[in-house]
PDB file of all heavy atoms in Angstrom:
ATOM      1  N   ILE A   1     181.912  47.838  46.249  1.00  0.00           N
ATOM      2  CA  ILE A   1     182.751  48.517  47.295  1.00  0.00           C
ATOM      3  C   ILE A   1     183.914  49.163  46.618  1.00  0.00           C
ATOM      4  O   ILE A   1     184.238  50.293  46.814  1.00  0.00           O
ATOM      5  CB  ILE A   1     183.133  47.572  48.279  1.00  0.00           C
ATOM      6  CG1 ILE A   1     181.944  47.217  49.162  1.00  0.00           C
ATOM      7  CG2 ILE A   1     184.212  48.193  49.213  1.00  0.00           C
ATOM      8  CD1 ILE A   1     182.122  45.975  50.101  1.00  0.00           C
ATOM      9  N   ALA A   2     184.618  48.424  45.725  1.00  0.00           N
ATOM     10  CA  ALA A   2     185.833  48.899  44.944  1.00  0.00           C
ATOM     11  C   ALA A   2     185.460  50.053  44.029  1.00  0.00           C
ATOM     12  O   ALA A   2     186.408  50.918  43.799  1.00  0.00           O
ATOM     13  CB  ALA A   2     186.418  47.722  44.223  1.00  0.00           C
ATOM     14  N   HIS A   3     184.248  50.076  43.541  1.00  0.00           N
ATOM     15  CA  HIS A   3     183.883  51.247  42.621  1.00  0.00           C
ATOM     16  C   HIS A   3     183.307  52.381  43.394  1.00  0.00           C
ATOM     17  O   HIS A   3     182.424  53.170  42.825  1.00  0.00           O
ATOM     18  CB  HIS A   3     183.010  50.671  41.551  1.00  0.00           C
ATOM     19  CG  HIS A   3     183.667  49.969  40.537  1.00  0.00           C
ATOM     20  ND1 HIS A   3     183.800  48.565  40.600  1.00  0.00           N
ATOM     21  CD2 HIS A   3     184.432  50.322  39.457  1.00  0.00           C
ATOM     22  CE1 HIS A   3     184.517  48.244  39.538  1.00  0.00           C
ATOM     23  NE2 HIS A   3     184.934  49.210  38.797  1.00  0.00           N
ATOM     24  N   GLY A   4     183.516  52.440  44.749  1.00  0.00           N
ATOM     25  CA  GLY A   4     183.102  53.701  45.519  1.00  0.00           C
ATOM     26  C   GLY A   4     181.688  53.555  46.115  1.00  0.00           C
ATOM     27  O   GLY A   4     181.167  54.614  46.577  1.00  0.00           O
ATOM     28  N   HIS A   5     181.144  52.364  46.376  1.00  0.00           N
ATOM     29  CA  HIS A   5     179.938  52.215  46.997  1.00  0.00           C
ATOM     30  C   HIS A   5     180.085  51.319  48.242  1.00  0.00           C
ATOM     31  O   HIS A   5     179.586  50.129  48.215  1.00  0.00           O
ATOM     32  CB  HIS A   5     178.870  51.572  45.991  1.00  0.00           C
ATOM     33  CG  HIS A   5     178.714  52.318  44.732  1.00  0.00           C
ATOM     34  ND1 HIS A   5     178.176  53.569  44.660  1.00  0.00           N
ATOM     35  CD2 HIS A   5     179.042  51.957  43.493  1.00  0.00           C
ATOM     36  CE1 HIS A   5     178.163  53.980  43.359  1.00  0.00           C
ATOM     37  NE2 HIS A   5     178.628  52.961  42.650  1.00  0.00           N
ATOM     38  N   PRO A   6     180.776  51.775  49.226  1.00  0.00           N
ATOM     39  CA  PRO A   6     181.000  50.915  50.462  1.00  0.00           C
ATOM     40  C   PRO A   6     179.828  50.727  51.392  1.00  0.00           C
ATOM     41  O   PRO A   6     179.876  49.806  52.177  1.00  0.00           O
ATOM     42  CB  PRO A   6     182.176  51.645  51.203  1.00  0.00           C
ATOM     43  CG  PRO A   6     181.947  53.082  50.790  1.00  0.00           C
ATOM     44  CD  PRO A   6     181.467  53.068  49.368  1.00  0.00           C
ATOM     45  N   ASP A   7     178.824  51.503  51.146  1.00  0.00           N
ATOM     46  CA  ASP A   7     177.522  51.337  51.973  1.00  0.00           C
ATOM     47  C   ASP A   7     176.533  50.542  51.140  1.00  0.00           C
ATOM     48  O   ASP A   7     175.949  50.999  50.179  1.00  0.00           O
ATOM     49  CB  ASP A   7     176.995  52.727  52.385  1.00  0.00           C
ATOM     50  CG  ASP A   7     177.932  53.412  53.217  1.00  0.00           C
ATOM     51  OD1 ASP A   7     178.274  52.983  54.302  1.00  0.00           O
ATOM     52  OD2 ASP A   7     178.281  54.628  52.917  1.00  0.00           O
ATOM     53  N   LEU A   8     176.326  49.295  51.508  1.00  0.00           N
ATOM     54  CA  LEU A   8     175.484  48.419  50.835  1.00  0.00           C
ATOM     55  C   LEU A   8     174.120  48.046  51.491  1.00  0.00           C
ATOM     56  O   LEU A   8     174.220  47.889  52.702  1.00  0.00           O
ATOM     57  CB  LEU A   8     176.254  47.073  50.575  1.00  0.00           C
ATOM     58  CG  LEU A   8     177.513  47.217  49.597  1.00  0.00           C
ATOM     59  CD1 LEU A   8     178.162  45.793  49.579  1.00  0.00           C
ATOM     60  CD2 LEU A   8     177.196  47.773  48.326  1.00  0.00           C
ATOM     61  N   VAL A   9     173.093  48.014  50.771  1.00  0.00           N
ATOM     62  CA  VAL A   9     171.883  47.434  51.319  1.00  0.00           C
ATOM     63  C   VAL A   9     171.538  46.225  50.500  1.00  0.00           C
ATOM     64  O   VAL A   9     171.542  46.191  49.256  1.00  0.00           O
ATOM     65  CB  VAL A   9     170.765  48.483  51.025  1.00  0.00           C
ATOM     66  CG1 VAL A   9     169.459  47.811  51.415  1.00  0.00           C
ATOM     67  CG2 VAL A   9     170.917  49.739  51.809  1.00  0.00           C
ATOM     68  N   ALA A  10     171.526  45.066  51.200  1.00  0.00           N
ATOM     69  CA  ALA A  10     171.335  43.834  50.580  1.00  0.00           C
ATOM     70  C   ALA A  10     169.731  43.491  50.649  1.00  0.00           C
ATOM     71  O   ALA A  10     169.190  43.359  51.736  1.00  0.00           O
ATOM     72  CB  ALA A  10     172.043  42.670  51.219  1.00  0.00           C
ATOM     73  N   ASP A  11     169.155  43.659  49.517  1.00  0.00           N
ATOM     74  CA  ASP A  11     167.671  43.453  49.488  1.00  0.00           C
ATOM     75  C   ASP A  11     167.468  41.870  49.274  1.00  0.00           C
ATOM     76  O   ASP A  11     167.739  41.362  48.268  1.00  0.00           O
ATOM     77  CB  ASP A  11     166.963  44.204  48.215  1.00  0.00           C
ATOM     78  CG  ASP A  11     165.574  43.900  48.138  1.00  0.00           C
ATOM     79  OD1 ASP A  11     164.940  43.103  48.814  1.00  0.00           O
ATOM     80  OD2 ASP A  11     164.982  44.619  47.287  1.00  0.00           O
ATOM     81  N   LEU A  12     167.012  41.207  50.355  1.00  0.00           N
ATOM     82  CA  LEU A  12     166.866  39.736  50.334  1.00  0.00           C
ATOM     83  C   LEU A  12     165.431  39.269  50.164  1.00  0.00           C
ATOM     84  O   LEU A  12     165.143  38.084  50.382  1.00  0.00           O
ATOM     85  CB  LEU A  12     167.426  39.268  51.658  1.00  0.00           C
ATOM     86  CG  LEU A  12     168.902  39.678  52.066  1.00  0.00           C
ATOM     87  CD1 LEU A  12     169.239  39.251  53.403  1.00  0.00           C
ATOM     88  CD2 LEU A  12     169.844  39.201  51.017  1.00  0.00           C
ATOM     89  N   SER A  13     164.582  40.178  49.653  1.00  0.00           N
ATOM     90  CA  SER A  13     163.162  39.834  49.537  1.00  0.00           C
ATOM     91  C   SER A  13     162.916  38.694  48.575  1.00  0.00           C
ATOM     92  O   SER A  13     162.061  37.863  48.722  1.00  0.00           O
ATOM     93  CB  SER A  13     162.311  40.963  49.031  1.00  0.00           C
ATOM     94  OG  SER A  13     162.798  41.502  47.738  1.00  0.00           O
ATOM     95  N   GLY A  14     163.845  38.435  47.632  1.00  0.00           N
ATOM     96  CA  GLY A  14     163.681  37.390  46.650  1.00  0.00           C
ATOM     97  C   GLY A  14     164.499  36.082  46.943  1.00  0.00           C
ATOM     98  O   GLY A  14     164.401  35.079  46.245  1.00  0.00           O
ATOM     99  N   VAL A  15     165.062  36.111  48.139  1.00  0.00           N
ATOM    100  CA  VAL A  15     165.898  34.955  48.551  1.00  0.00           C
ATOM    101  C   VAL A  15     164.962  33.766  49.019  1.00  0.00           C
ATOM    102  O   VAL A  15     164.122  33.992  49.951  1.00  0.00           O
ATOM    103  CB  VAL A  15     166.876  35.257  49.711  1.00  0.00           C
ATOM    104  CG1 VAL A  15     167.590  33.952  50.184  1.00  0.00           C
ATOM    105  CG2 VAL A  15     167.894  36.185  49.090  1.00  0.00           C
ATOM    106  N   THR A  16     164.967  32.663  48.383  1.00  0.00           N
ATOM    107  CA  THR A  16     164.186  31.495  48.677  1.00  0.00           C
ATOM    108  C   THR A  16     164.780  30.635  49.683  1.00  0.00           C
ATOM    109  O   THR A  16     164.014  29.712  50.285  1.00  0.00           O
ATOM    110  CB  THR A  16     163.669  30.761  47.435  1.00  0.00           C
ATOM    111  OG1 THR A  16     164.803  30.379  46.783  1.00  0.00           O
ATOM    112  CG2 THR A  16     162.741  31.727  46.627  1.00  0.00           C
ATOM    113  N   PHE A  17     166.049  30.598  49.750  1.00  0.00           N
ATOM    114  CA  PHE A  17     166.759  29.631  50.671  1.00  0.00           C
ATOM    115  C   PHE A  17     168.149  30.289  50.863  1.00  0.00           C
ATOM    116  O   PHE A  17     168.794  30.882  49.994  1.00  0.00           O
ATOM    117  CB  PHE A  17     166.999  28.277  49.903  1.00  0.00           C
ATOM    118  CG  PHE A  17     167.878  27.372  50.626  1.00  0.00           C
ATOM    119  CD1 PHE A  17     167.404  26.553  51.692  1.00  0.00           C
ATOM    120  CD2 PHE A  17     169.222  27.176  50.117  1.00  0.00           C
ATOM    121  CE1 PHE A  17     168.240  25.728  52.307  1.00  0.00           C
ATOM    122  CE2 PHE A  17     170.068  26.221  50.901  1.00  0.00           C
ATOM    123  CZ  PHE A  17     169.606  25.595  51.946  1.00  0.00           C
ATOM    124  N   CYS A  18     168.762  30.147  52.072  1.00  0.00           N
ATOM    125  CA  CYS A  18     170.014  30.581  52.379  1.00  0.00           C
ATOM    126  C   CYS A  18     170.691  29.534  53.302  1.00  0.00           C
ATOM    127  O   CYS A  18     170.213  29.100  54.299  1.00  0.00           O
ATOM    128  CB  CYS A  18     169.983  31.883  53.113  1.00  0.00           C
ATOM    129  SG  CYS A  18     171.659  32.584  53.487  1.00  0.00           S
ATOM    130  N   ASP A  19     171.896  29.082  52.828  1.00  0.00           N
ATOM    131  CA  ASP A  19     172.638  28.133  53.651  1.00  0.00           C
ATOM    132  C   ASP A  19     173.831  28.831  54.311  1.00  0.00           C
ATOM    133  O   ASP A  19     173.980  30.071  54.349  1.00  0.00           O
ATOM    134  CB  ASP A  19     173.056  26.904  52.841  1.00  0.00           C
ATOM    135  CG  ASP A  19     174.116  27.142  51.830  1.00  0.00           C
ATOM    136  OD1 ASP A  19     174.592  28.305  51.774  1.00  0.00           O
ATOM    137  OD2 ASP A  19     174.479  26.275  51.025  1.00  0.00           O
ATOM    138  N   SER A  20     174.751  28.080  54.982  1.00  0.00           N
ATOM    139  CA  SER A  20     175.834  28.621  55.746  1.00  0.00           C
ATOM    140  C   SER A  20     176.835  29.391  54.764  1.00  0.00           C
ATOM    141  O   SER A  20     177.450  30.333  55.290  1.00  0.00           O
ATOM    142  CB  SER A  20     176.603  27.581  56.530  1.00  0.00           C
ATOM    143  OG  SER A  20     177.135  26.551  55.643  1.00  0.00           O
ATOM    144  N   SER A  21     176.860  29.058  53.533  1.00  0.00           N
ATOM    145  CA  SER A  21     177.776  29.728  52.543  1.00  0.00           C
ATOM    146  C   SER A  21     177.146  31.166  52.316  1.00  0.00           C
ATOM    147  O   SER A  21     177.896  32.125  52.198  1.00  0.00           O
ATOM    148  CB  SER A  21     177.746  28.920  51.306  1.00  0.00           C
ATOM    149  OG  SER A  21     178.339  27.668  51.480  1.00  0.00           O
ATOM    150  N   GLY A  22     175.798  31.218  52.272  1.00  0.00           N
ATOM    151  CA  GLY A  22     175.254  32.540  52.115  1.00  0.00           C
ATOM    152  C   GLY A  22     175.492  33.435  53.331  1.00  0.00           C
ATOM    153  O   GLY A  22     175.772  34.626  53.199  1.00  0.00           O
ATOM    154  N   LEU A  23     175.352  32.899  54.487  1.00  0.00           N
ATOM    155  CA  LEU A  23     175.659  33.533  55.749  1.00  0.00           C
ATOM    156  C   LEU A  23     177.168  33.946  55.801  1.00  0.00           C
ATOM    157  O   LEU A  23     177.477  35.071  56.138  1.00  0.00           O
ATOM    158  CB  LEU A  23     175.288  32.729  56.980  1.00  0.00           C
ATOM    159  CG  LEU A  23     173.895  32.582  57.367  1.00  0.00           C
ATOM    160  CD1 LEU A  23     173.737  31.624  58.475  1.00  0.00           C
ATOM    161  CD2 LEU A  23     173.231  33.879  57.583  1.00  0.00           C
ATOM    162  N   GLY A  24     178.019  33.094  55.344  1.00  0.00           N
ATOM    163  CA  GLY A  24     179.386  33.394  55.380  1.00  0.00           C
ATOM    164  C   GLY A  24     179.680  34.573  54.345  1.00  0.00           C
ATOM    165  O   GLY A  24     180.593  35.369  54.650  1.00  0.00           O
ATOM    166  N   ALA A  25     178.927  34.582  53.208  1.00  0.00           N
ATOM    167  CA  ALA A  25     179.243  35.644  52.324  1.00  0.00           C
ATOM    168  C   ALA A  25     178.796  36.990  52.918  1.00  0.00           C
ATOM    169  O   ALA A  25     179.421  37.962  52.681  1.00  0.00           O
ATOM    170  CB  ALA A  25     178.431  35.320  51.040  1.00  0.00           C
ATOM    171  N   LEU A  26     177.684  36.981  53.584  1.00  0.00           N
ATOM    172  CA  LEU A  26     177.219  38.247  54.178  1.00  0.00           C
ATOM    173  C   LEU A  26     178.197  38.755  55.195  1.00  0.00           C
ATOM    174  O   LEU A  26     178.548  39.946  55.307  1.00  0.00           O
ATOM    175  CB  LEU A  26     175.855  38.054  54.858  1.00  0.00           C
ATOM    176  CG  LEU A  26     174.629  37.817  53.974  1.00  0.00           C
ATOM    177  CD1 LEU A  26     173.385  37.511  54.738  1.00  0.00           C
ATOM    178  CD2 LEU A  26     174.469  39.025  53.082  1.00  0.00           C
ATOM    179  N   VAL A  27     178.865  37.883  56.073  1.00  0.00           N
ATOM    180  CA  VAL A  27     179.781  38.243  57.061  1.00  0.00           C
ATOM    181  C   VAL A  27     181.004  38.850  56.235  1.00  0.00           C
ATOM    182  O   VAL A  27     181.601  39.920  56.670  1.00  0.00           O
ATOM    183  CB  VAL A  27     180.185  37.137  57.926  1.00  0.00           C
ATOM    184  CG1 VAL A  27     181.452  37.400  58.810  1.00  0.00           C
ATOM    185  CG2 VAL A  27     179.087  36.769  58.766  1.00  0.00           C
ATOM    186  N   GLY A  28     181.483  38.063  55.132  1.00  0.00           N
ATOM    187  CA  GLY A  28     182.612  38.649  54.464  1.00  0.00           C
ATOM    188  C   GLY A  28     182.317  39.932  53.787  1.00  0.00           C
ATOM    189  O   GLY A  28     183.197  40.852  53.805  1.00  0.00           O
ATOM    190  N   ILE A  29     181.228  40.232  53.302  1.00  0.00           N
ATOM    191  CA  ILE A  29     180.772  41.442  52.684  1.00  0.00           C
ATOM    192  C   ILE A  29     180.778  42.558  53.736  1.00  0.00           C
ATOM    193  O   ILE A  29     181.253  43.638  53.629  1.00  0.00           O
ATOM    194  CB  ILE A  29     179.410  41.409  51.936  1.00  0.00           C
ATOM    195  CG1 ILE A  29     179.537  40.387  50.819  1.00  0.00           C
ATOM    196  CG2 ILE A  29     178.965  42.667  51.554  1.00  0.00           C
ATOM    197  CD1 ILE A  29     178.197  40.030  50.118  1.00  0.00           C
ATOM    198  N   TRP A  30     180.188  42.271  54.911  1.00  0.00           N
ATOM    199  CA  TRP A  30     180.178  43.182  55.958  1.00  0.00           C
ATOM    200  C   TRP A  30     181.540  43.693  56.449  1.00  0.00           C
ATOM    201  O   TRP A  30     181.908  44.749  56.575  1.00  0.00           O
ATOM    202  CB  TRP A  30     179.419  42.559  57.254  1.00  0.00           C
ATOM    203  CG  TRP A  30     179.476  43.363  58.442  1.00  0.00           C
ATOM    204  CD1 TRP A  30     178.785  44.490  58.701  1.00  0.00           C
ATOM    205  CD2 TRP A  30     180.265  43.085  59.568  1.00  0.00           C
ATOM    206  NE1 TRP A  30     179.036  44.919  60.040  1.00  0.00           N
ATOM    207  CE2 TRP A  30     179.977  44.180  60.500  1.00  0.00           C
ATOM    208  CE3 TRP A  30     181.216  42.125  59.910  1.00  0.00           C
ATOM    209  CZ2 TRP A  30     180.619  44.084  61.691  1.00  0.00           C
ATOM    210  CZ3 TRP A  30     181.827  42.169  61.146  1.00  0.00           C
ATOM    211  CH2 TRP A  30     181.561  43.183  62.114  1.00  0.00           C
ATOM    212  N   ARG A  31     182.472  42.665  56.525  1.00  0.00           N
ATOM    213  CA  ARG A  31     183.921  42.929  56.960  1.00  0.00           C
ATOM    214  C   ARG A  31     184.489  43.808  55.859  1.00  0.00           C
ATOM    215  O   ARG A  31     185.190  44.861  56.245  1.00  0.00           O
ATOM    216  CB  ARG A  31     184.691  41.607  57.091  1.00  0.00           C
ATOM    217  CG  ARG A  31     184.368  40.902  58.331  1.00  0.00           C
ATOM    218  CD  ARG A  31     185.252  39.664  58.531  1.00  0.00           C
ATOM    219  NE  ARG A  31     184.870  39.097  59.830  1.00  0.00           N
ATOM    220  CZ  ARG A  31     184.984  37.755  59.956  1.00  0.00           C
ATOM    221  NH1 ARG A  31     185.463  37.036  59.095  1.00  0.00           N
ATOM    222  NH2 ARG A  31     184.638  37.216  61.167  1.00  0.00           N
ATOM    223  N   CYS A  32     184.353  43.481  54.542  1.00  0.00           N
ATOM    224  CA  CYS A  32     184.894  44.349  53.523  1.00  0.00           C
ATOM    225  C   CYS A  32     184.384  45.706  53.485  1.00  0.00           C
ATOM    226  O   CYS A  32     185.148  46.655  53.320  1.00  0.00           O
ATOM    227  CB  CYS A  32     184.838  43.613  52.200  1.00  0.00           C
ATOM    228  SG  CYS A  32     185.882  42.116  52.004  1.00  0.00           S
ATOM    229  N   ALA A  33     183.100  45.743  53.689  1.00  0.00           N
ATOM    230  CA  ALA A  33     182.455  47.103  53.737  1.00  0.00           C
ATOM    231  C   ALA A  33     183.056  47.933  54.939  1.00  0.00           C
ATOM    232  O   ALA A  33     183.356  49.166  54.772  1.00  0.00           O
ATOM    233  CB  ALA A  33     180.981  47.045  53.865  1.00  0.00           C
ATOM    234  N   LYS A  34     183.111  47.347  56.150  1.00  0.00           N
ATOM    235  CA  LYS A  34     183.734  48.041  57.183  1.00  0.00           C
ATOM    236  C   LYS A  34     185.249  48.556  57.022  1.00  0.00           C
ATOM    237  O   LYS A  34     185.577  49.601  57.395  1.00  0.00           O
ATOM    238  CB  LYS A  34     183.691  47.128  58.509  1.00  0.00           C
ATOM    239  CG  LYS A  34     182.373  47.143  59.078  1.00  0.00           C
ATOM    240  CD  LYS A  34     182.517  46.477  60.502  1.00  0.00           C
ATOM    241  CE  LYS A  34     183.248  47.323  61.414  1.00  0.00           C
ATOM    242  NZ  LYS A  34     182.980  47.276  62.800  1.00  0.00           N
ATOM    243  N   GLU A  35     185.984  47.676  56.347  1.00  0.00           N
ATOM    244  CA  GLU A  35     187.328  48.031  56.035  1.00  0.00           C
ATOM    245  C   GLU A  35     187.484  49.240  55.055  1.00  0.00           C
ATOM    246  O   GLU A  35     188.370  49.934  55.045  1.00  0.00           O
ATOM    247  CB  GLU A  35     188.124  46.904  55.438  1.00  0.00           C
ATOM    248  CG  GLU A  35     188.377  45.759  56.379  1.00  0.00           C
ATOM    249  CD  GLU A  35     188.989  44.514  55.764  1.00  0.00           C
ATOM    250  OE1 GLU A  35     189.258  44.565  54.582  1.00  0.00           O
ATOM    251  OE2 GLU A  35     189.147  43.527  56.476  1.00  0.00           O
ATOM    252  N   ALA A  36     186.402  49.402  54.332  1.00  0.00           N
ATOM    253  CA  ALA A  36     186.313  50.503  53.307  1.00  0.00           C
ATOM    254  C   ALA A  36     185.484  51.703  54.011  1.00  0.00           C
ATOM    255  O   ALA A  36     185.070  52.637  53.268  1.00  0.00           O
ATOM    256  CB  ALA A  36     185.657  49.996  52.067  1.00  0.00           C
ATOM    257  N   ASP A  37     185.333  51.703  55.289  1.00  0.00           N
ATOM    258  CA  ASP A  37     184.569  52.669  56.013  1.00  0.00           C
ATOM    259  C   ASP A  37     183.097  52.768  55.591  1.00  0.00           C
ATOM    260  O   ASP A  37     182.490  53.803  55.454  1.00  0.00           O
ATOM    261  CB  ASP A  37     185.174  54.088  55.925  1.00  0.00           C
ATOM    262  CG  ASP A  37     186.545  54.188  56.623  1.00  0.00           C
ATOM    263  OD1 ASP A  37     186.606  53.510  57.713  1.00  0.00           O
ATOM    264  OD2 ASP A  37     187.480  54.791  56.088  1.00  0.00           O
ATOM    265  N   GLY A  38     182.609  51.577  55.239  1.00  0.00           N
ATOM    266  CA  GLY A  38     181.190  51.451  54.841  1.00  0.00           C
ATOM    267  C   GLY A  38     180.429  50.714  55.690  1.00  0.00           C
ATOM    268  O   GLY A  38     180.678  50.368  56.922  1.00  0.00           O
ATOM    269  N   SER A  39     179.304  50.108  55.204  1.00  0.00           N
ATOM    270  CA  SER A  39     178.286  49.343  56.106  1.00  0.00           C
ATOM    271  C   SER A  39     177.629  48.375  55.191  1.00  0.00           C
ATOM    272  O   SER A  39     177.511  48.452  53.944  1.00  0.00           O
ATOM    273  CB  SER A  39     177.338  50.301  56.717  1.00  0.00           C
ATOM    274  OG  SER A  39     176.605  50.960  55.784  1.00  0.00           O
TER     275      SER A  39
END
């Protein structure tokens, strides 16, 4: 995001497990992307 890529696609095809920390990270990334006029 800081390097000019505020629109992110998270490819999760290789994720074998996700806990609440992973979900929290996704929410945090979403908020930061929105603040940078991204997604």
